[in-house]
Amino acid sequence: MYKKSPRNEEPSINEPSVNEPLVNEPSINEPSINEPSINNEPSTNNEPSINNKPNGRTKK
């Protein structure tokens, strides 16, 4: 019966195959790189705007 345990590990080698599709997840990370780009555009526009407000208050 103990010898059957190692035999069970063989099918476990099929599990790594499930890890391969995980490589497809990083593909989802690629579009994520597009998000920062969108966040950088408005962020750059919002940053100066927000920086101008506190600056005006500091002058007051």
N, C-alpha and C. Protein backbone atom coordinates (compact mmCIF):
# COMPACT_ATOMS: atom_id res chain seq x y z
N MET A 1 0.85 -1.20 0.00
CA MET A 1 0.00 0.00 0.00
C MET A 1 0.89 1.26 0.00
N TYR A 2 2.02 1.16 0.66
CA TYR A 2 2.93 2.31 0.73
C TYR A 2 3.52 2.60 -0.64
N LYS A 3 3.59 1.50 -1.46
CA LYS A 3 4.17 1.66 -2.80
C LYS A 3 3.19 2.44 -3.70
N LYS A 4 1.92 2.40 -3.34
CA LYS A 4 0.90 3.08 -4.16
C LYS A 4 1.01 4.61 -3.95
N SER A 5 1.57 5.00 -2.85
CA SER A 5 1.68 6.44 -2.55
C SER A 5 2.54 7.14 -3.62
N PRO A 6 3.70 6.58 -3.91
CA PRO A 6 4.55 7.20 -4.94
C PRO A 6 3.85 7.21 -6.29
N ARG A 7 3.01 6.19 -6.52
CA ARG A 7 2.28 6.12 -7.79
C ARG A 7 1.28 7.28 -7.84
N ASN A 8 0.83 7.71 -6.71
CA ASN A 8 -0.15 8.80 -6.65
C ASN A 8 0.55 10.13 -6.96
N GLU A 9 1.83 10.15 -6.74
CA GLU A 9 2.58 11.39 -6.99
C GLU A 9 2.71 11.62 -8.51
N GLU A 10 2.64 10.54 -9.26
CA GLU A 10 2.75 10.67 -10.73
C GLU A 10 1.63 11.55 -11.27
N PRO A 11 0.39 11.29 -10.90
CA PRO A 11 -0.71 12.16 -11.35
C PRO A 11 -0.48 13.60 -10.85
N SER A 12 0.24 13.71 -9.79
CA SER A 12 0.53 15.05 -9.24
C SER A 12 1.32 15.85 -10.28
N ILE A 13 2.03 15.12 -11.13
CA ILE A 13 2.81 15.79 -12.18
C ILE A 13 1.85 16.48 -13.16
N ASN A 14 0.60 16.05 -13.14
CA ASN A 14 -0.41 16.65 -14.01
C ASN A 14 -0.84 18.01 -13.43
N GLU A 15 -0.64 18.16 -12.14
CA GLU A 15 -1.03 19.41 -11.48
C GLU A 15 -0.20 20.59 -12.03
N PRO A 16 1.09 20.39 -12.19
CA PRO A 16 1.92 21.47 -12.76
C PRO A 16 1.31 21.99 -14.07
N SER A 17 0.62 21.12 -14.76
CA SER A 17 -0.05 21.54 -16.00
C SER A 17 -1.05 22.66 -15.67
N VAL A 18 -1.61 22.58 -14.49
CA VAL A 18 -2.58 23.60 -14.06
C VAL A 18 -1.81 24.91 -13.78
N ASN A 19 -0.53 24.77 -13.52
CA ASN A 19 0.30 25.94 -13.25
C ASN A 19 0.61 26.66 -14.57
N GLU A 20 0.58 25.89 -15.65
CA GLU A 20 0.85 26.47 -16.97
C GLU A 20 -0.21 27.52 -17.32
N PRO A 21 -1.48 27.19 -17.16
CA PRO A 21 -2.53 28.19 -17.42
C PRO A 21 -2.31 29.43 -16.55
N LEU A 22 -1.67 29.22 -15.42
CA LEU A 22 -1.39 30.35 -14.54
C LEU A 22 -0.50 31.35 -15.29
N VAL A 23 0.24 30.83 -16.25
CA VAL A 23 1.10 31.71 -17.06
C VAL A 23 0.21 32.65 -17.88
N ASN A 24 -1.04 32.27 -18.03
CA ASN A 24 -1.99 33.10 -18.78
C ASN A 24 -2.44 34.28 -17.91
N GLU A 25 -2.34 34.09 -16.59
CA GLU A 25 -2.75 35.16 -15.67
C GLU A 25 -1.83 36.38 -15.84
N PRO A 26 -0.53 36.15 -15.92
CA PRO A 26 0.39 37.27 -16.16
C PRO A 26 -0.05 38.08 -17.38
N SER A 27 -0.68 37.41 -18.32
CA SER A 27 -1.19 38.11 -19.51
C SER A 27 -2.20 39.17 -19.05
N ILE A 28 -2.91 38.85 -17.98
CA ILE A 28 -3.89 39.80 -17.43
C ILE A 28 -3.13 40.96 -16.77
N ASN A 29 -1.91 40.67 -16.38
CA ASN A 29 -1.08 41.71 -15.74
C ASN A 29 -0.61 42.71 -16.80
N GLU A 30 -0.52 42.24 -18.04
CA GLU A 30 -0.09 43.12 -19.13
C GLU A 30 -1.09 44.28 -19.30
N PRO A 31 -2.37 43.96 -19.41
CA PRO A 31 -3.37 45.04 -19.51
C PRO A 31 -3.30 45.94 -18.28
N SER A 32 -2.87 45.36 -17.18
CA SER A 32 -2.75 46.14 -15.93
C SER A 32 -1.73 47.27 -16.17
N ILE A 33 -0.78 47.00 -17.05
CA ILE A 33 0.23 48.03 -17.36
C ILE A 33 -0.45 49.19 -18.08
N ASN A 34 -1.60 48.92 -18.67
CA ASN A 34 -2.35 49.97 -19.36
C ASN A 34 -3.08 50.84 -18.35
N GLU A 35 -3.42 50.24 -17.21
CA GLU A 35 -4.14 50.98 -16.17
C GLU A 35 -3.25 52.10 -15.61
N PRO A 36 -2.02 51.74 -15.24
CA PRO A 36 -1.12 52.76 -14.70
C PRO A 36 -0.95 53.91 -15.71
N SER A 37 -0.93 53.56 -16.97
CA SER A 37 -0.78 54.58 -18.01
C SER A 37 -1.97 55.54 -17.93
N ILE A 38 -3.15 54.98 -17.73
CA ILE A 38 -4.37 55.81 -17.64
C ILE A 38 -4.36 56.57 -16.31
N ASN A 39 -3.79 55.94 -15.31
CA ASN A 39 -3.75 56.55 -13.98
C ASN A 39 -2.70 57.67 -13.97
N ASN A 40 -1.69 57.50 -14.81
CA ASN A 40 -0.61 58.49 -14.85
C ASN A 40 -1.10 59.76 -15.54
N GLU A 41 -1.95 59.60 -16.54
CA GLU A 41 -2.45 60.78 -17.28
C GLU A 41 -3.31 61.66 -16.36
N PRO A 42 -4.40 61.10 -15.83
CA PRO A 42 -5.27 61.91 -14.96
C PRO A 42 -4.53 62.29 -13.68
N SER A 43 -3.68 61.40 -13.21
CA SER A 43 -2.95 61.67 -11.96
C SER A 43 -2.07 62.91 -12.17
N THR A 44 -1.47 63.01 -13.34
CA THR A 44 -0.60 64.16 -13.62
C THR A 44 -1.43 65.43 -13.70
N ASN A 45 -2.66 65.29 -14.17
CA ASN A 45 -3.53 66.46 -14.29
C ASN A 45 -4.13 66.81 -12.93
N ASN A 46 -4.36 65.78 -12.14
CA ASN A 46 -4.98 66.00 -10.84
C ASN A 46 -3.93 66.46 -9.83
N GLU A 47 -2.71 65.97 -9.99
CA GLU A 47 -1.66 66.31 -9.02
C GLU A 47 -1.42 67.83 -8.99
N PRO A 48 -1.17 68.42 -10.12
CA PRO A 48 -0.91 69.87 -10.13
C PRO A 48 -2.13 70.63 -9.61
N SER A 49 -3.31 70.15 -9.97
CA SER A 49 -4.54 70.82 -9.53
C SER A 49 -4.63 70.76 -8.01
N ILE A 50 -4.34 69.59 -7.46
CA ILE A 50 -4.43 69.41 -6.00
C ILE A 50 -3.26 70.16 -5.34
N ASN A 51 -2.15 70.20 -6.04
CA ASN A 51 -0.96 70.85 -5.48
C ASN A 51 -1.17 72.37 -5.48
N ASN A 52 -1.97 72.83 -6.41
CA ASN A 52 -2.22 74.27 -6.51
C ASN A 52 -3.16 74.72 -5.39
N LYS A 53 -4.11 73.86 -5.05
CA LYS A 53 -5.09 74.21 -4.01
C LYS A 53 -4.39 74.41 -2.66
N PRO A 54 -3.64 73.37 -2.22
CA PRO A 54 -2.96 73.49 -0.92
C PRO A 54 -1.96 74.64 -0.96
N ASN A 55 -1.39 74.87 -2.12
CA ASN A 55 -0.39 75.94 -2.22
C ASN A 55 -1.07 77.29 -1.98
N GLY A 56 -2.27 77.44 -2.55
CA GLY A 56 -3.02 78.69 -2.38
C GLY A 56 -3.41 78.86 -0.92
N ARG A 57 -3.72 77.78 -0.26
CA ARG A 57 -4.13 77.87 1.15
C ARG A 57 -2.92 78.22 2.01
N THR A 58 -1.78 77.67 1.61
CA THR A 58 -0.56 77.92 2.40
C THR A 58 -0.20 79.42 2.30
N LYS A 59 -0.50 80.01 1.16
CA LYS A 59 -0.19 81.44 0.98
C LYS A 59 -1.10 82.28 1.87
N LYS A 60 -2.35 81.79 2.01
CA LYS A 60 -3.33 82.52 2.84
C LYS A 60 -2.81 82.53 4.27
